[in-house]
Every structure is written in C-alpha cells, then in structure tokens.
Amino acid sequence: MSAPMRKLLTIITEAALERLLVEDIERLGAHGYTVSDARGKGRRGVRSADWEESRNIRIEVVCEETVAEAIAAYLEAHYYADYAMILFMSDVAVLRPEKF
C-alpha cells in the first residue's frame, strides 16, 4: 500500500503561547493540530511543568510541505527572538490524505 507523503511540523515551546500559535497555525493554512504537554531539559535548563510558568507544550501539525514551511518561517520570524521554541520537520506517510 502506497501512502501519500505530508510533513509533520513539531513545535515545542512555552505553554503561554498556545492560543497565539493555534491562531497563527490555522491562519497559515493548517487544517488541524495536536497539542500536548511536554517536559524535558535543554539549553535553557529543565522544563518540568511543576508550575504554570515553566510548562512547555508540543504542537504537532501534519500538512502539505508549503504550509509547514510557511508556518515554520512565520514562527521563526515572530517568536524565536523572545521565546523558548524549537521546531523540527519530518516526512510522514498518511493513511487518510483528505484530512491533511
């Protein structure tokens, strides 16, 4: 079975940005997204989610490559300088391409 390819854009960032990022993601053409809590350690130290201000979220968007690139470029230009945020993109095979 050959499954169509899409991009998976993963955003890990501060939970306080969730509402703004969801609006940006939808405005830039994504049909949907998934948000989950995220914990870990990086260059900025441990993000344990023990208190609201230290919570991180992980937003995953499966979409066309052009949409993923537009979202990534926008987030880099508007959020990277002031917020803890990482983005990564990977190829994914989807089984219901009409959803994405």
C-alpha atoms as a PDB file:
ATOM      1  CA  MET A   1       0.000   0.000   0.000  1.00  0.00           C
ATOM      2  CA  SER A   2       1.441   3.361  -1.018  1.00  0.00           C
ATOM      3  CA  ALA A   3       0.564   6.204   1.319  1.00  0.00           C
ATOM      4  CA  PRO A   4       0.777   9.874   0.291  1.00  0.00           C
ATOM      5  CA  MET A   5       3.507  11.919   1.962  1.00  0.00           C
ATOM      6  CA  ARG A   6       2.988  15.020   4.098  1.00  0.00           C
ATOM      7  CA  LYS A   7       5.150  16.998   6.518  1.00  0.00           C
ATOM      8  CA  LEU A   8       4.967  16.725  10.280  1.00  0.00           C
ATOM      9  CA  LEU A   9       5.905  20.060  11.840  1.00  0.00           C
ATOM     10  CA  THR A  10       6.609  19.752  15.558  1.00  0.00           C
ATOM     11  CA  ILE A  11       6.766  22.855  17.739  1.00  0.00           C
ATOM     12  CA  ILE A  12       7.987  22.698  21.327  1.00  0.00           C
ATOM     13  CA  THR A  13       7.557  25.946  23.195  1.00  0.00           C
ATOM     14  CA  GLU A  14       6.205  27.782  26.209  1.00  0.00           C
ATOM     15  CA  ALA A  15       2.620  26.916  27.130  1.00  0.00           C
ATOM     16  CA  ALA A  16       1.729  30.604  27.414  1.00  0.00           C
ATOM     17  CA  LEU A  17       1.907  30.845  23.602  1.00  0.00           C
ATOM     18  CA  GLU A  18      -0.684  28.168  22.872  1.00  0.00           C
ATOM     19  CA  ARG A  19      -3.615  30.432  21.965  1.00  0.00           C
ATOM     20  CA  LEU A  20      -1.496  32.678  19.734  1.00  0.00           C
ATOM     21  CA  LEU A  21       0.212  29.776  17.980  1.00  0.00           C
ATOM     22  CA  VAL A  22      -3.045  27.962  17.292  1.00  0.00           C
ATOM     23  CA  GLU A  23      -4.422  31.122  15.672  1.00  0.00           C
ATOM     24  CA  ASP A  24      -1.238  31.507  13.593  1.00  0.00           C
ATOM     25  CA  ILE A  25      -1.228  27.853  12.524  1.00  0.00           C
ATOM     26  CA  GLU A  26      -4.831  27.961  11.350  1.00  0.00           C
ATOM     27  CA  ARG A  27      -4.420  31.327   9.606  1.00  0.00           C
ATOM     28  CA  LEU A  28      -1.393  29.989   7.733  1.00  0.00           C
ATOM     29  CA  GLY A  29      -3.369  27.091   6.260  1.00  0.00           C
ATOM     30  CA  ALA A  30      -3.196  24.056   8.545  1.00  0.00           C
ATOM     31  CA  HIS A  31      -6.407  22.030   8.791  1.00  0.00           C
ATOM     32  CA  GLY A  32      -5.689  20.836  12.316  1.00  0.00           C
ATOM     33  CA  TYR A  33      -3.113  20.268  15.033  1.00  0.00           C
ATOM     34  CA  THR A  34      -2.495  18.326  18.231  1.00  0.00           C
ATOM     35  CA  VAL A  35      -1.329  19.942  21.471  1.00  0.00           C
ATOM     36  CA  SER A  36       0.185  18.005  24.380  1.00  0.00           C
ATOM     37  CA  ASP A  37       2.197  18.826  27.486  1.00  0.00           C
ATOM     38  CA  ALA A  38       5.963  18.477  27.149  1.00  0.00           C
ATOM     39  CA  ARG A  39       8.749  18.191  29.712  1.00  0.00           C
ATOM     40  CA  GLY A  40      12.495  17.951  29.318  1.00  0.00           C
ATOM     41  CA  LYS A  41      15.855  19.618  29.535  1.00  0.00           C
ATOM     42  CA  GLY A  42      17.685  21.768  27.044  1.00  0.00           C
ATOM     43  CA  ARG A  43      19.988  24.728  26.760  1.00  0.00           C
ATOM     44  CA  ARG A  44      17.625  26.828  28.883  1.00  0.00           C
ATOM     45  CA  GLY A  45      17.544  24.224  31.671  1.00  0.00           C
ATOM     46  CA  VAL A  46      14.888  21.838  32.956  1.00  0.00           C
ATOM     47  CA  ARG A  47      11.270  22.466  31.981  1.00  0.00           C
ATOM     48  CA  SER A  48       9.471  20.266  34.492  1.00  0.00           C
ATOM     49  CA  ALA A  49       5.958  21.793  34.407  1.00  0.00           C
ATOM     50  CA  ASP A  50       5.942  21.930  38.218  1.00  0.00           C
ATOM     51  CA  TRP A  51       4.373  25.380  37.977  1.00  0.00           C
ATOM     52  CA  GLU A  52       2.408  27.089  35.244  1.00  0.00           C
ATOM     53  CA  GLU A  53       5.163  29.469  34.124  1.00  0.00           C
ATOM     54  CA  SER A  54       7.576  26.613  33.402  1.00  0.00           C
ATOM     55  CA  ARG A  55       5.203  24.474  31.330  1.00  0.00           C
ATOM     56  CA  ASN A  56       6.033  23.563  27.765  1.00  0.00           C
ATOM     57  CA  ILE A  57       3.728  22.292  25.070  1.00  0.00           C
ATOM     58  CA  ARG A  58       4.293  20.244  21.945  1.00  0.00           C
ATOM     59  CA  ILE A  59       2.194  21.147  18.923  1.00  0.00           C
ATOM     60  CA  GLU A  60       2.144  18.738  16.006  1.00  0.00           C
ATOM     61  CA  VAL A  61       0.831  19.715  12.585  1.00  0.00           C
ATOM     62  CA  VAL A  62       0.533  17.291   9.665  1.00  0.00           C
ATOM     63  CA  CYS A  63       0.143  19.246   6.440  1.00  0.00           C
ATOM     64  CA  GLU A  64       1.374  19.944   2.943  1.00  0.00           C
ATOM     65  CA  GLU A  65       5.048  20.924   2.688  1.00  0.00           C
ATOM     66  CA  THR A  66       4.263  24.505   1.609  1.00  0.00           C
ATOM     67  CA  VAL A  67       2.041  25.023   4.656  1.00  0.00           C
ATOM     68  CA  ALA A  68       4.658  23.550   7.027  1.00  0.00           C
ATOM     69  CA  GLU A  69       7.353  25.806   5.564  1.00  0.00           C
ATOM     70  CA  ALA A  70       5.110  28.892   5.830  1.00  0.00           C
ATOM     71  CA  ILE A  71       4.297  28.151   9.474  1.00  0.00           C
ATOM     72  CA  ALA A  72       7.951  27.484  10.330  1.00  0.00           C
ATOM     73  CA  ALA A  73       9.125  30.704   8.649  1.00  0.00           C
ATOM     74  CA  TYR A  74       6.451  32.768  10.412  1.00  0.00           C
ATOM     75  CA  LEU A  75       7.208  31.312  13.851  1.00  0.00           C
ATOM     76  CA  GLU A  76      10.934  31.824  13.380  1.00  0.00           C
ATOM     77  CA  ALA A  77      10.425  35.459  12.377  1.00  0.00           C
ATOM     78  CA  HIS A  78       7.904  36.310  15.105  1.00  0.00           C
ATOM     79  CA  TYR A  79       8.787  34.166  18.154  1.00  0.00           C
ATOM     80  CA  TYR A  80      12.372  32.870  18.119  1.00  0.00           C
ATOM     81  CA  ALA A  81      13.962  36.038  19.500  1.00  0.00           C
ATOM     82  CA  ASP A  82      11.744  36.261  22.584  1.00  0.00           C
ATOM     83  CA  TYR A  83      10.573  32.755  23.471  1.00  0.00           C
ATOM     84  CA  ALA A  84      11.973  29.301  24.114  1.00  0.00           C
ATOM     85  CA  MET A  85      10.945  27.458  20.961  1.00  0.00           C
ATOM     86  CA  ILE A  86      12.253  24.683  18.762  1.00  0.00           C
ATOM     87  CA  LEU A  87      10.826  23.424  15.502  1.00  0.00           C
ATOM     88  CA  PHE A  88      11.544  20.290  13.582  1.00  0.00           C
ATOM     89  CA  MET A  89      10.048  18.835  10.443  1.00  0.00           C
ATOM     90  CA  SER A  90       9.893  15.305   9.133  1.00  0.00           C
ATOM     91  CA  ASP A  91       8.281  13.378   6.310  1.00  0.00           C
ATOM     92  CA  VAL A  92       5.284  11.240   7.230  1.00  0.00           C
ATOM     93  CA  ALA A  93       3.152   8.827   5.246  1.00  0.00           C
ATOM     94  CA  VAL A  94      -0.545   9.437   5.864  1.00  0.00           C
ATOM     95  CA  LEU A  95      -3.322   6.906   5.515  1.00  0.00           C
ATOM     96  CA  ARG A  96      -6.166   9.435   5.214  1.00  0.00           C
ATOM     97  CA  PRO A  97      -4.696  12.177   2.981  1.00  0.00           C
ATOM     98  CA  GLU A  98      -8.025  14.007   2.645  1.00  0.00           C
ATOM     99  CA  LYS A  99      -7.669  15.014   6.312  1.00  0.00           C
ATOM    100  CA  PHE A 100      -4.443  16.931   5.657  1.00  0.00           C
END
